């Protein structure tokens, strides 16, 4: 599926160090896999995603890692593996924890759908 990607986010990813750009692209793809209708934008100088008008996730990179941020309440199922975190930090030589990330995103999407459906009722 060809997702509508934001040109500023494209620029952010392509300007990142090459060893981090692939990780960020994988995260983007994962976000759109879980929420195809997500709105992609730059917020606070980092890629950010809204779903049904509410914050879904964001990511950023540092010198030697990519940070994937999601609301802490969506990480409840991941607490044992990632205690005290509101996201995931991935180093270039580490595999992405795709199953945990996918599960957290799916949970957050459900939370947003439930919240926005409750507002409509």
PDB file of N, CA and C in Angstrom:
ATOM      1  N   UNK A   1       0.845  -1.178   0.000  1.00  0.00           N
ATOM      2  CA  UNK A   1       0.000   0.000   0.000  1.00  0.00           C
ATOM      3  C   UNK A   1       0.891   1.243   0.000  1.00  0.00           C
ATOM      4  N   UNK A   2       0.527   2.241  -0.760  1.00  0.00           N
ATOM      5  CA  UNK A   2       1.281   3.477  -0.846  1.00  0.00           C
ATOM      6  C   UNK A   2       0.703   4.488   0.144  1.00  0.00           C
ATOM      7  N   UNK A   3       1.369   4.652   1.262  1.00  0.00           N
ATOM      8  CA  UNK A   3       0.886   5.563   2.290  1.00  0.00           C
ATOM      9  C   UNK A   3       1.283   6.988   1.961  1.00  0.00           C
ATOM     10  N   UNK A   4       0.450   7.920   2.394  1.00  0.00           N
ATOM     11  CA  UNK A   4       0.714   9.338   2.169  1.00  0.00           C
ATOM     12  C   UNK A   4       1.748   9.792   3.200  1.00  0.00           C
ATOM     13  N   UNK A   5       2.969   9.935   2.766  1.00  0.00           N
ATOM     14  CA  UNK A   5       4.053  10.282   3.680  1.00  0.00           C
ATOM     15  C   UNK A   5       4.402  11.756   3.544  1.00  0.00           C
ATOM     16  N   UNK A   6       4.733  12.355   4.660  1.00  0.00           N
ATOM     17  CA  UNK A   6       5.045  13.769   4.745  1.00  0.00           C
ATOM     18  C   UNK A   6       6.452  14.031   4.213  1.00  0.00           C
ATOM     19  N   UNK A   7       6.587  15.023   3.341  1.00  0.00           N
ATOM     20  CA  UNK A   7       7.878  15.348   2.734  1.00  0.00           C
ATOM     21  C   UNK A   7       8.915  15.755   3.778  1.00  0.00           C
ATOM     22  N   UNK A   8       8.500  16.449   4.827  1.00  0.00           N
ATOM     23  CA  UNK A   8       9.441  16.845   5.877  1.00  0.00           C
ATOM     24  C   UNK A   8       9.952  15.634   6.657  1.00  0.00           C
ATOM     25  N   UNK A   9       9.098  14.640   6.827  1.00  0.00           N
ATOM     26  CA  UNK A   9       9.535  13.412   7.491  1.00  0.00           C
ATOM     27  C   UNK A   9      10.487  12.658   6.571  1.00  0.00           C
ATOM     28  N   UNK A  10      10.190  12.628   5.280  1.00  0.00           N
ATOM     29  CA  UNK A  10      11.118  12.008   4.322  1.00  0.00           C
ATOM     30  C   UNK A  10      12.499  12.638   4.455  1.00  0.00           C
ATOM     31  N   UNK A  11      12.541  13.959   4.506  1.00  0.00           N
ATOM     32  CA  UNK A  11      13.797  14.698   4.626  1.00  0.00           C
ATOM     33  C   UNK A  11      14.507  14.346   5.934  1.00  0.00           C
ATOM     34  N   UNK A  12      13.761  14.303   7.026  1.00  0.00           N
ATOM     35  CA  UNK A  12      14.328  13.965   8.338  1.00  0.00           C
ATOM     36  C   UNK A  12      15.005  12.597   8.286  1.00  0.00           C
ATOM     37  N   UNK A  13      14.335  11.621   7.708  1.00  0.00           N
ATOM     38  CA  UNK A  13      14.871  10.262   7.638  1.00  0.00           C
ATOM     39  C   UNK A  13      16.091  10.212   6.735  1.00  0.00           C
ATOM     40  N   UNK A  14      16.039  10.857   5.583  1.00  0.00           N
ATOM     41  CA  UNK A  14      17.172  10.781   4.651  1.00  0.00           C
ATOM     42  C   UNK A  14      18.378  11.566   5.145  1.00  0.00           C
ATOM     43  N   UNK A  15      18.181  12.550   6.016  1.00  0.00           N
ATOM     44  CA  UNK A  15      19.309  13.311   6.554  1.00  0.00           C
ATOM     45  C   UNK A  15      19.948  12.636   7.766  1.00  0.00           C
ATOM     46  N   UNK A  16      19.334  11.599   8.274  1.00  0.00           N
ATOM     47  CA  UNK A  16      19.872  10.870   9.428  1.00  0.00           C
ATOM     48  C   UNK A  16      21.080  10.045   9.002  1.00  0.00           C
ATOM     49  N   UNK A  17      21.927   9.684   9.962  1.00  0.00           N
ATOM     50  CA  UNK A  17      23.021   8.766   9.619  1.00  0.00           C
ATOM     51  C   UNK A  17      22.475   7.498   8.966  1.00  0.00           C
ATOM     52  N   UNK A  18      23.171   7.030   7.964  1.00  0.00           N
ATOM     53  CA  UNK A  18      22.698   5.889   7.171  1.00  0.00           C
ATOM     54  C   UNK A  18      22.370   4.675   8.037  1.00  0.00           C
ATOM     55  N   UNK A  19      23.156   4.437   9.097  1.00  0.00           N
ATOM     56  CA  UNK A  19      22.920   3.263   9.929  1.00  0.00           C
ATOM     57  C   UNK A  19      21.638   3.374  10.758  1.00  0.00           C
ATOM     58  N   UNK A  20      21.056   4.573  10.846  1.00  0.00           N
ATOM     59  CA  UNK A  20      19.806   4.771  11.582  1.00  0.00           C
ATOM     60  C   UNK A  20      18.596   4.932  10.667  1.00  0.00           C
ATOM     61  N   UNK A  21      18.825   5.352   9.436  1.00  0.00           N
ATOM     62  CA  UNK A  21      17.730   5.633   8.510  1.00  0.00           C
ATOM     63  C   UNK A  21      16.866   4.401   8.237  1.00  0.00           C
ATOM     64  N   UNK A  22      17.480   3.253   8.096  1.00  0.00           N
ATOM     65  CA  UNK A  22      16.724   2.028   7.844  1.00  0.00           C
ATOM     66  C   UNK A  22      15.817   1.669   9.008  1.00  0.00           C
ATOM     67  N   UNK A  23      16.310   1.864  10.219  1.00  0.00           N
ATOM     68  CA  UNK A  23      15.498   1.608  11.406  1.00  0.00           C
ATOM     69  C   UNK A  23      14.302   2.538  11.432  1.00  0.00           C
ATOM     70  N   UNK A  24      14.526   3.811  11.138  1.00  0.00           N
ATOM     71  CA  UNK A  24      13.419   4.771  11.134  1.00  0.00           C
ATOM     72  C   UNK A  24      12.406   4.442  10.054  1.00  0.00           C
ATOM     73  N   UNK A  25      12.866   4.017   8.904  1.00  0.00           N
ATOM     74  CA  UNK A  25      11.929   3.651   7.836  1.00  0.00           C
ATOM     75  C   UNK A  25      11.108   2.433   8.245  1.00  0.00           C
ATOM     76  N   UNK A  26      11.731   1.482   8.927  1.00  0.00           N
ATOM     77  CA  UNK A  26      10.992   0.317   9.416  1.00  0.00           C
ATOM     78  C   UNK A  26       9.925   0.726  10.426  1.00  0.00           C
ATOM     79  N   UNK A  27      10.243   1.681  11.277  1.00  0.00           N
ATOM     80  CA  UNK A  27       9.268   2.171  12.259  1.00  0.00           C
ATOM     81  C   UNK A  27       8.114   2.864  11.545  1.00  0.00           C
ATOM     82  N   UNK A  28       8.420   3.695  10.574  1.00  0.00           N
ATOM     83  CA  UNK A  28       7.357   4.348   9.782  1.00  0.00           C
ATOM     84  C   UNK A  28       6.423   3.317   9.175  1.00  0.00           C
ATOM     85  N   UNK A  29       7.017   2.313   8.549  1.00  0.00           N
ATOM     86  CA  UNK A  29       6.210   1.271   7.910  1.00  0.00           C
ATOM     87  C   UNK A  29       5.337   0.549   8.934  1.00  0.00           C
ATOM     88  N   UNK A  30       5.885   0.287  10.111  1.00  0.00           N
ATOM     89  CA  UNK A  30       5.131  -0.383  11.166  1.00  0.00           C
ATOM     90  C   UNK A  30       3.955   0.478  11.629  1.00  0.00           C
ATOM     91  N   UNK A  31       4.174   1.764  11.773  1.00  0.00           N
ATOM     92  CA  UNK A  31       3.096   2.673  12.182  1.00  0.00           C
ATOM     93  C   UNK A  31       1.968   2.637  11.155  1.00  0.00           C
ATOM     94  N   UNK A  32       2.311   2.754   9.885  1.00  0.00           N
ATOM     95  CA  UNK A  32       1.281   2.751   8.846  1.00  0.00           C
ATOM     96  C   UNK A  32       0.633   1.373   8.681  1.00  0.00           C
ATOM     97  N   UNK A  33       1.366   0.324   9.010  1.00  0.00           N
ATOM     98  CA  UNK A  33       0.783  -1.020   8.991  1.00  0.00           C
ATOM     99  C   UNK A  33      -0.334  -1.117  10.036  1.00  0.00           C
ATOM    100  N   UNK A  34      -0.102  -0.569  11.204  1.00  0.00           N
ATOM    101  CA  UNK A  34      -1.069  -0.643  12.302  1.00  0.00           C
ATOM    102  C   UNK A  34      -2.168   0.417  12.203  1.00  0.00           C
ATOM    103  N   UNK A  35      -1.848   1.558  11.593  1.00  0.00           N
ATOM    104  CA  UNK A  35      -2.816   2.657  11.483  1.00  0.00           C
ATOM    105  C   UNK A  35      -2.667   3.317  10.114  1.00  0.00           C
ATOM    106  N   UNK A  36      -3.197   2.677   9.062  1.00  0.00           N
ATOM    107  CA  UNK A  36      -3.039   3.223   7.716  1.00  0.00           C
ATOM    108  C   UNK A  36      -3.570   4.651   7.565  1.00  0.00           C
ATOM    109  N   UNK A  37      -4.535   5.034   8.396  1.00  0.00           N
ATOM    110  CA  UNK A  37      -5.127   6.370   8.295  1.00  0.00           C
ATOM    111  C   UNK A  37      -4.366   7.406   9.118  1.00  0.00           C
ATOM    112  N   UNK A  38      -3.267   7.026   9.745  1.00  0.00           N
ATOM    113  CA  UNK A  38      -2.517   7.952  10.594  1.00  0.00           C
ATOM    114  C   UNK A  38      -2.034   9.155   9.793  1.00  0.00           C
ATOM    115  N   UNK A  39      -2.030  10.290  10.452  1.00  0.00           N
ATOM    116  CA  UNK A  39      -1.541  11.524   9.845  1.00  0.00           C
ATOM    117  C   UNK A  39      -0.085  11.696  10.284  1.00  0.00           C
ATOM    118  N   UNK A  40       0.795  11.793   9.301  1.00  0.00           N
ATOM    119  CA  UNK A  40       2.218  11.936   9.566  1.00  0.00           C
ATOM    120  C   UNK A  40       2.600  13.401   9.473  1.00  0.00           C
ATOM    121  N   UNK A  41       3.359  13.880  10.468  1.00  0.00           N
ATOM    122  CA  UNK A  41       3.766  15.289  10.488  1.00  0.00           C
ATOM    123  C   UNK A  41       5.061  15.430  11.269  1.00  0.00           C
ATOM    124  N   UNK A  42       5.620  16.611  11.211  1.00  0.00           N
ATOM    125  CA  UNK A  42       6.743  16.954  12.074  1.00  0.00           C
ATOM    126  C   UNK A  42       6.178  17.716  13.262  1.00  0.00           C
ATOM    127  N   UNK A  43       6.588  17.325  14.465  1.00  0.00           N
ATOM    128  CA  UNK A  43       6.150  17.977  15.692  1.00  0.00           C
ATOM    129  C   UNK A  43       7.353  17.996  16.628  1.00  0.00           C
ATOM    130  N   UNK A  44       7.701  19.187  17.122  1.00  0.00           N
ATOM    131  CA  UNK A  44       8.879  19.330  17.986  1.00  0.00           C
ATOM    132  C   UNK A  44      10.124  18.776  17.286  1.00  0.00           C
ATOM    133  N   UNK A  45      10.244  19.034  16.013  1.00  0.00           N
ATOM    134  CA  UNK A  45      11.383  18.653  15.180  1.00  0.00           C
ATOM    135  C   UNK A  45      11.600  17.144  15.077  1.00  0.00           C
ATOM    136  N   UNK A  46      10.510  16.388  15.209  1.00  0.00           N
ATOM    137  CA  UNK A  46      10.600  14.934  15.073  1.00  0.00           C
ATOM    138  C   UNK A  46       9.330  14.424  14.394  1.00  0.00           C
ATOM    139  N   UNK A  47       9.421  13.312  13.669  1.00  0.00           N
ATOM    140  CA  UNK A  47       8.240  12.716  13.062  1.00  0.00           C
ATOM    141  C   UNK A  47       7.230  12.302  14.137  1.00  0.00           C
ATOM    142  N   UNK A  48       5.983  12.637  13.885  1.00  0.00           N
ATOM    143  CA  UNK A  48       4.914  12.377  14.833  1.00  0.00           C
ATOM    144  C   UNK A  48       3.692  11.901  14.063  1.00  0.00           C
ATOM    145  N   UNK A  49       2.861  11.099  14.730  1.00  0.00           N
ATOM    146  CA  UNK A  49       1.706  10.490  14.080  1.00  0.00           C
ATOM    147  C   UNK A  49       0.467  10.680  14.931  1.00  0.00           C
ATOM    148  N   UNK A  50      -0.599  11.128  14.283  1.00  0.00           N
ATOM    149  CA  UNK A  50      -1.901  11.253  14.928  1.00  0.00           C
ATOM    150  C   UNK A  50      -2.851  10.244  14.291  1.00  0.00           C
ATOM    151  N   UNK A  51      -3.747   9.748  15.117  1.00  0.00           N
ATOM    152  CA  UNK A  51      -4.773   8.829  14.645  1.00  0.00           C
ATOM    153  C   UNK A  51      -6.089   9.293  15.247  1.00  0.00           C
ATOM    154  N   UNK A  52      -7.089   9.514  14.405  1.00  0.00           N
ATOM    155  CA  UNK A  52      -8.384  10.039  14.850  1.00  0.00           C
ATOM    156  C   UNK A  52      -8.216  11.313  15.675  1.00  0.00           C
ATOM    157  N   UNK A  53      -7.237  12.123  15.304  1.00  0.00           N
ATOM    158  CA  UNK A  53      -7.016  13.406  15.974  1.00  0.00           C
ATOM    159  C   UNK A  53      -6.257  13.329  17.284  1.00  0.00           C
ATOM    160  N   UNK A  54      -5.808  12.140  17.686  1.00  0.00           N
ATOM    161  CA  UNK A  54      -5.067  11.979  18.937  1.00  0.00           C
ATOM    162  C   UNK A  54      -3.654  11.465  18.661  1.00  0.00           C
ATOM    163  N   UNK A  55      -2.740  11.803  19.549  1.00  0.00           N
ATOM    164  CA  UNK A  55      -1.345  11.402  19.406  1.00  0.00           C
ATOM    165  C   UNK A  55      -1.225   9.882  19.448  1.00  0.00           C
ATOM    166  N   UNK A  56      -0.561   9.322  18.452  1.00  0.00           N
ATOM    167  CA  UNK A  56      -0.343   7.882  18.380  1.00  0.00           C
ATOM    168  C   UNK A  56       1.092   7.532  18.773  1.00  0.00           C
ATOM    169  N   UNK A  57       2.046   8.102  18.073  1.00  0.00           N
ATOM    170  CA  UNK A  57       3.447   7.741  18.305  1.00  0.00           C
ATOM    171  C   UNK A  57       4.349   8.792  17.678  1.00  0.00           C
ATOM    172  N   UNK A  58       5.618   8.707  17.993  1.00  0.00           N
ATOM    173  CA  UNK A  58       6.624   9.543  17.355  1.00  0.00           C
ATOM    174  C   UNK A  58       7.957   8.798  17.423  1.00  0.00           C
ATOM    175  N   UNK A  59       8.911   9.278  16.656  1.00  0.00           N
ATOM    176  CA  UNK A  59      10.262   8.734  16.760  1.00  0.00           C
ATOM    177  C   UNK A  59      11.266   9.840  16.498  1.00  0.00           C
ATOM    178  N   UNK A  60      12.475   9.622  16.950  1.00  0.00           N
ATOM    179  CA  UNK A  60      13.556  10.580  16.746  1.00  0.00           C
ATOM    180  C   UNK A  60      14.868   9.801  16.775  1.00  0.00           C
ATOM    181  N   UNK A  61      15.916  10.475  16.372  1.00  0.00           N
ATOM    182  CA  UNK A  61      17.211   9.808  16.443  1.00  0.00           C
ATOM    183  C   UNK A  61      18.201  10.686  17.173  1.00  0.00           C
ATOM    184  N   UNK A  62      19.151  10.008  17.795  1.00  0.00           N
ATOM    185  CA  UNK A  62      20.276  10.668  18.446  1.00  0.00           C
ATOM    186  C   UNK A  62      21.551  10.226  17.763  1.00  0.00           C
ATOM    187  N   UNK A  63      22.638  10.457  18.416  1.00  0.00           N
ATOM    188  CA  UNK A  63      23.934  10.148  17.829  1.00  0.00           C
ATOM    189  C   UNK A  63      24.075   8.679  17.454  1.00  0.00           C
ATOM    190  N   UNK A  64      23.563   7.803  18.307  1.00  0.00           N
ATOM    191  CA  UNK A  64      23.778   6.383  18.045  1.00  0.00           C
ATOM    192  C   UNK A  64      22.560   5.513  18.340  1.00  0.00           C
ATOM    193  N   UNK A  65      21.367   6.103  18.238  1.00  0.00           N
ATOM    194  CA  UNK A  65      20.165   5.309  18.491  1.00  0.00           C
ATOM    195  C   UNK A  65      18.935   5.974  17.897  1.00  0.00           C
ATOM    196  N   UNK A  66      17.894   5.170  17.751  1.00  0.00           N
ATOM    197  CA  UNK A  66      16.581   5.669  17.354  1.00  0.00           C
ATOM    198  C   UNK A  66      15.656   5.449  18.543  1.00  0.00           C
ATOM    199  N   UNK A  67      14.897   6.467  18.880  1.00  0.00           N
ATOM    200  CA  UNK A  67      13.919   6.387  19.961  1.00  0.00           C
ATOM    201  C   UNK A  67      12.527   6.363  19.364  1.00  0.00           C
ATOM    202  N   UNK A  68      11.743   5.384  19.773  1.00  0.00           N
ATOM    203  CA  UNK A  68      10.353   5.258  19.349  1.00  0.00           C
ATOM    204  C   UNK A  68       9.507   5.516  20.585  1.00  0.00           C
ATOM    205  N   UNK A  69       8.640   6.527  20.504  1.00  0.00           N
ATOM    206  CA  UNK A  69       7.844   6.947  21.654  1.00  0.00           C
ATOM    207  C   UNK A  69       6.372   6.624  21.418  1.00  0.00           C
ATOM    208  N   UNK A  70       5.756   6.118  22.465  1.00  0.00           N
ATOM    209  CA  UNK A  70       4.329   5.841  22.432  1.00  0.00           C
ATOM    210  C   UNK A  70       3.817   6.084  23.847  1.00  0.00           C
ATOM    211  N   UNK A  71       2.570   6.404  23.957  1.00  0.00           N
ATOM    212  CA  UNK A  71       1.976   6.651  25.261  1.00  0.00           C
ATOM    213  C   UNK A  71       2.230   5.476  26.200  1.00  0.00           C
ATOM    214  N   UNK A  72       2.662   5.785  27.410  1.00  0.00           N
ATOM    215  CA  UNK A  72       3.023   4.736  28.372  1.00  0.00           C
ATOM    216  C   UNK A  72       1.883   3.764  28.635  1.00  0.00           C
ATOM    217  N   UNK A  73       0.647   4.231  28.616  1.00  0.00           N
ATOM    218  CA  UNK A  73      -0.471   3.331  28.887  1.00  0.00           C
ATOM    219  C   UNK A  73      -0.595   2.238  27.827  1.00  0.00           C
ATOM    220  N   UNK A  74      -0.095   2.497  26.643  1.00  0.00           N
ATOM    221  CA  UNK A  74      -0.147   1.487  25.587  1.00  0.00           C
ATOM    222  C   UNK A  74       0.968   0.458  25.731  1.00  0.00           C
ATOM    223  N   UNK A  75       1.879   0.709  26.642  1.00  0.00           N
ATOM    224  CA  UNK A  75       2.979  -0.225  26.832  1.00  0.00           C
ATOM    225  C   UNK A  75       2.758  -1.183  27.997  1.00  0.00           C
ATOM    226  N   UNK A  76       1.579  -1.162  28.589  1.00  0.00           N
ATOM    227  CA  UNK A  76       1.318  -1.997  29.767  1.00  0.00           C
ATOM    228  C   UNK A  76       1.680  -3.460  29.524  1.00  0.00           C
ATOM    229  N   UNK A  77       1.371  -3.960  28.351  1.00  0.00           N
ATOM    230  CA  UNK A  77       1.653  -5.370  28.071  1.00  0.00           C
ATOM    231  C   UNK A  77       3.147  -5.633  27.946  1.00  0.00           C
ATOM    232  N   UNK A  78       3.924  -4.564  27.770  1.00  0.00           N
ATOM    233  CA  UNK A  78       5.358  -4.724  27.566  1.00  0.00           C
ATOM    234  C   UNK A  78       6.163  -4.392  28.822  1.00  0.00           C
ATOM    235  N   UNK A  79       5.512  -4.104  29.921  1.00  0.00           N
ATOM    236  CA  UNK A  79       6.175  -3.622  31.138  1.00  0.00           C
ATOM    237  C   UNK A  79       7.307  -4.534  31.610  1.00  0.00           C
ATOM    238  N   UNK A  80       7.125  -5.836  31.535  1.00  0.00           N
ATOM    239  CA  UNK A  80       8.178  -6.725  32.023  1.00  0.00           C
ATOM    240  C   UNK A  80       9.426  -6.629  31.155  1.00  0.00           C
ATOM    241  N   UNK A  81       9.239  -6.519  29.869  1.00  0.00           N
ATOM    242  CA  UNK A  81      10.388  -6.441  28.964  1.00  0.00           C
ATOM    243  C   UNK A  81      11.013  -5.046  28.952  1.00  0.00           C
ATOM    244  N   UNK A  82      10.208  -4.012  29.163  1.00  0.00           N
ATOM    245  CA  UNK A  82      10.690  -2.640  29.076  1.00  0.00           C
ATOM    246  C   UNK A  82      10.199  -1.832  30.279  1.00  0.00           C
ATOM    247  N   UNK A  83      10.619  -2.178  31.502  1.00  0.00           N
ATOM    248  CA  UNK A  83      10.089  -1.491  32.690  1.00  0.00           C
ATOM    249  C   UNK A  83      10.436  -0.009  32.708  1.00  0.00           C
ATOM    250  N   UNK A  84       9.447   0.799  33.066  1.00  0.00           N
ATOM    251  CA  UNK A  84       9.669   2.227  33.252  1.00  0.00           C
ATOM    252  C   UNK A  84       9.860   3.033  31.988  1.00  0.00           C
ATOM    253  N   UNK A  85       9.684   2.441  30.839  1.00  0.00           N
ATOM    254  CA  UNK A  85       9.913   3.159  29.592  1.00  0.00           C
ATOM    255  C   UNK A  85       8.603   3.595  28.965  1.00  0.00           C
ATOM    256  N   UNK A  86       8.675   4.692  28.221  1.00  0.00           N
ATOM    257  CA  UNK A  86       7.519   5.122  27.440  1.00  0.00           C
ATOM    258  C   UNK A  86       7.818   4.932  25.955  1.00  0.00           C
ATOM    259  N   UNK A  87       8.732   4.043  25.678  1.00  0.00           N
ATOM    260  CA  UNK A  87       9.081   3.786  24.296  1.00  0.00           C
ATOM    261  C   UNK A  87      10.198   2.771  24.196  1.00  0.00           C
ATOM    262  N   UNK A  88      10.816   2.753  23.041  1.00  0.00           N
ATOM    263  CA  UNK A  88      11.872   1.808  22.749  1.00  0.00           C
ATOM    264  C   UNK A  88      13.089   2.579  22.248  1.00  0.00           C
ATOM    265  N   UNK A  89      14.259   2.166  22.663  1.00  0.00           N
ATOM    266  CA  UNK A  89      15.500   2.720  22.132  1.00  0.00           C
ATOM    267  C   UNK A  89      16.187   1.605  21.355  1.00  0.00           C
ATOM    268  N   UNK A  90      16.566   1.912  20.119  1.00  0.00           N
ATOM    269  CA  UNK A  90      17.168   0.895  19.275  1.00  0.00           C
ATOM    270  C   UNK A  90      18.508   1.400  18.767  1.00  0.00           C
ATOM    271  N   UNK A  91      19.539   0.622  18.986  1.00  0.00           N
ATOM    272  CA  UNK A  91      20.890   0.925  18.491  1.00  0.00           C
ATOM    273  C   UNK A  91      21.033   0.284  17.109  1.00  0.00           C
ATOM    274  N   UNK A  92      21.907   0.832  16.283  1.00  0.00           N
ATOM    275  CA  UNK A  92      22.028   0.315  14.910  1.00  0.00           C
ATOM    276  C   UNK A  92      22.347  -1.164  14.812  1.00  0.00           C
ATOM    277  N   UNK A  93      23.097  -1.707  15.763  1.00  0.00           N
ATOM    278  CA  UNK A  93      23.482  -3.127  15.681  1.00  0.00           C
ATOM    279  C   UNK A  93      22.489  -4.053  16.367  1.00  0.00           C
ATOM    280  N   UNK A  94      21.348  -3.504  16.839  1.00  0.00           N
ATOM    281  CA  UNK A  94      20.343  -4.309  17.510  1.00  0.00           C
ATOM    282  C   UNK A  94      19.123  -4.516  16.606  1.00  0.00           C
ATOM    283  N   UNK A  95      18.506  -5.698  16.697  1.00  0.00           N
ATOM    284  CA  UNK A  95      17.272  -5.900  15.919  1.00  0.00           C
ATOM    285  C   UNK A  95      16.126  -5.102  16.536  1.00  0.00           C
ATOM    286  N   UNK A  96      15.218  -4.671  15.699  1.00  0.00           N
ATOM    287  CA  UNK A  96      14.023  -3.987  16.200  1.00  0.00           C
ATOM    288  C   UNK A  96      13.153  -4.982  16.955  1.00  0.00           C
ATOM    289  N   UNK A  97      12.610  -4.593  18.101  1.00  0.00           N
ATOM    290  CA  UNK A  97      11.672  -5.472  18.807  1.00  0.00           C
ATOM    291  C   UNK A  97      10.288  -5.356  18.164  1.00  0.00           C
ATOM    292  N   UNK A  98      10.189  -5.808  16.921  1.00  0.00           N
ATOM    293  CA  UNK A  98       8.987  -5.588  16.111  1.00  0.00           C
ATOM    294  C   UNK A  98       7.715  -6.139  16.747  1.00  0.00           C
ATOM    295  N   UNK A  99       7.771  -7.305  17.323  1.00  0.00           N
ATOM    296  CA  UNK A  99       6.558  -7.869  17.925  1.00  0.00           C
ATOM    297  C   UNK A  99       6.061  -6.992  19.068  1.00  0.00           C
ATOM    298  N   UNK A 100       6.967  -6.551  19.925  1.00  0.00           N
ATOM    299  CA  UNK A 100       6.580  -5.685  21.041  1.00  0.00           C
ATOM    300  C   UNK A 100       6.087  -4.332  20.546  1.00  0.00           C
ATOM    301  N   UNK A 101       6.756  -3.788  19.543  1.00  0.00           N
ATOM    302  CA  UNK A 101       6.351  -2.499  18.982  1.00  0.00           C
ATOM    303  C   UNK A 101       4.980  -2.620  18.322  1.00  0.00           C
ATOM    304  N   UNK A 102       4.780  -3.677  17.559  1.00  0.00           N
ATOM    305  CA  UNK A 102       3.505  -3.910  16.873  1.00  0.00           C
ATOM    306  C   UNK A 102       2.368  -4.057  17.893  1.00  0.00           C
ATOM    307  N   UNK A 103       2.619  -4.813  18.950  1.00  0.00           N
ATOM    308  CA  UNK A 103       1.612  -5.023  19.981  1.00  0.00           C
ATOM    309  C   UNK A 103       1.274  -3.699  20.677  1.00  0.00           C
ATOM    310  N   UNK A 104       2.276  -2.911  20.987  1.00  0.00           N
ATOM    311  CA  UNK A 104       2.045  -1.620  21.648  1.00  0.00           C
ATOM    312  C   UNK A 104       1.269  -0.667  20.754  1.00  0.00           C
ATOM    313  N   UNK A 105       1.622  -0.622  19.483  1.00  0.00           N
ATOM    314  CA  UNK A 105       0.892   0.234  18.542  1.00  0.00           C
ATOM    315  C   UNK A 105      -0.548  -0.222  18.388  1.00  0.00           C
ATOM    316  N   UNK A 106      -0.755  -1.519  18.270  1.00  0.00           N
ATOM    317  CA  UNK A 106      -2.117  -2.038  18.122  1.00  0.00           C
ATOM    318  C   UNK A 106      -2.953  -1.683  19.351  1.00  0.00           C
ATOM    319  N   UNK A 107      -2.352  -1.796  20.534  1.00  0.00           N
ATOM    320  CA  UNK A 107      -3.065  -1.447  21.757  1.00  0.00           C
ATOM    321  C   UNK A 107      -3.411   0.041  21.780  1.00  0.00           C
ATOM    322  N   UNK A 108      -2.471   0.888  21.366  1.00  0.00           N
ATOM    323  CA  UNK A 108      -2.728   2.331  21.353  1.00  0.00           C
ATOM    324  C   UNK A 108      -3.807   2.680  20.335  1.00  0.00           C
ATOM    325  N   UNK A 109      -3.790   2.047  19.178  1.00  0.00           N
ATOM    326  CA  UNK A 109      -4.826   2.281  18.162  1.00  0.00           C
ATOM    327  C   UNK A 109      -6.199   1.919  18.731  1.00  0.00           C
ATOM    328  N   UNK A 110      -6.288   0.779  19.422  1.00  0.00           N
ATOM    329  CA  UNK A 110      -7.566   0.378  20.038  1.00  0.00           C
ATOM    330  C   UNK A 110      -8.011   1.399  21.083  1.00  0.00           C
ATOM    331  N   UNK A 111      -7.069   1.881  21.891  1.00  0.00           N
ATOM    332  CA  UNK A 111      -7.394   2.876  22.918  1.00  0.00           C
ATOM    333  C   UNK A 111      -7.950   4.147  22.283  1.00  0.00           C
ATOM    334  N   UNK A 112      -7.325   4.588  21.207  1.00  0.00           N
ATOM    335  CA  UNK A 112      -7.778   5.801  20.523  1.00  0.00           C
ATOM    336  C   UNK A 112      -9.152   5.574  19.903  1.00  0.00           C
ATOM    337  N   UNK A 113      -9.337   4.426  19.252  1.00  0.00           N
ATOM    338  CA  UNK A 113     -10.648   4.125  18.659  1.00  0.00           C
ATOM    339  C   UNK A 113     -11.726   4.116  19.734  1.00  0.00           C
ATOM    340  N   UNK A 114     -11.444   3.477  20.868  1.00  0.00           N
ATOM    341  CA  UNK A 114     -12.418   3.436  21.964  1.00  0.00           C
ATOM    342  C   UNK A 114     -12.730   4.838  22.471  1.00  0.00           C
ATOM    343  N   UNK A 115     -11.717   5.673  22.626  1.00  0.00           N
ATOM    344  CA  UNK A 115     -11.903   7.036  23.131  1.00  0.00           C
ATOM    345  C   UNK A 115     -12.704   7.879  22.151  1.00  0.00           C
ATOM    346  N   UNK A 116     -12.395   7.783  20.874  1.00  0.00           N
ATOM    347  CA  UNK A 116     -13.095   8.612  19.890  1.00  0.00           C
ATOM    348  C   UNK A 116     -14.511   8.104  19.618  1.00  0.00           C
ATOM    349  N   UNK A 117     -14.717   6.794  19.715  1.00  0.00           N
ATOM    350  CA  UNK A 117     -16.063   6.258  19.566  1.00  0.00           C
ATOM    351  C   UNK A 117     -16.944   6.659  20.743  1.00  0.00           C
ATOM    352  N   UNK A 118     -16.370   6.725  21.929  1.00  0.00           N
ATOM    353  CA  UNK A 118     -17.122   7.143  23.113  1.00  0.00           C
ATOM    354  C   UNK A 118     -17.570   8.601  23.002  1.00  0.00           C
ATOM    355  N   UNK A 119     -16.736   9.437  22.369  1.00  0.00           N
ATOM    356  CA  UNK A 119     -17.085  10.841  22.174  1.00  0.00           C
ATOM    357  C   UNK A 119     -18.264  11.004  21.227  1.00  0.00           C
ATOM    358  N   UNK A 120     -18.355  10.119  20.228  1.00  0.00           N
ATOM    359  CA  UNK A 120     -19.421  10.205  19.229  1.00  0.00           C
ATOM    360  C   UNK A 120     -20.759   9.801  19.819  1.00  0.00           C
ATOM    361  N   UNK A 121     -20.755   8.886  20.766  1.00  0.00           N
ATOM    362  CA  UNK A 121     -22.004   8.361  21.341  1.00  0.00           C
ATOM    363  C   UNK A 121     -22.684   9.351  22.208  1.00  0.00           C
TER     364      UNK A 121
END
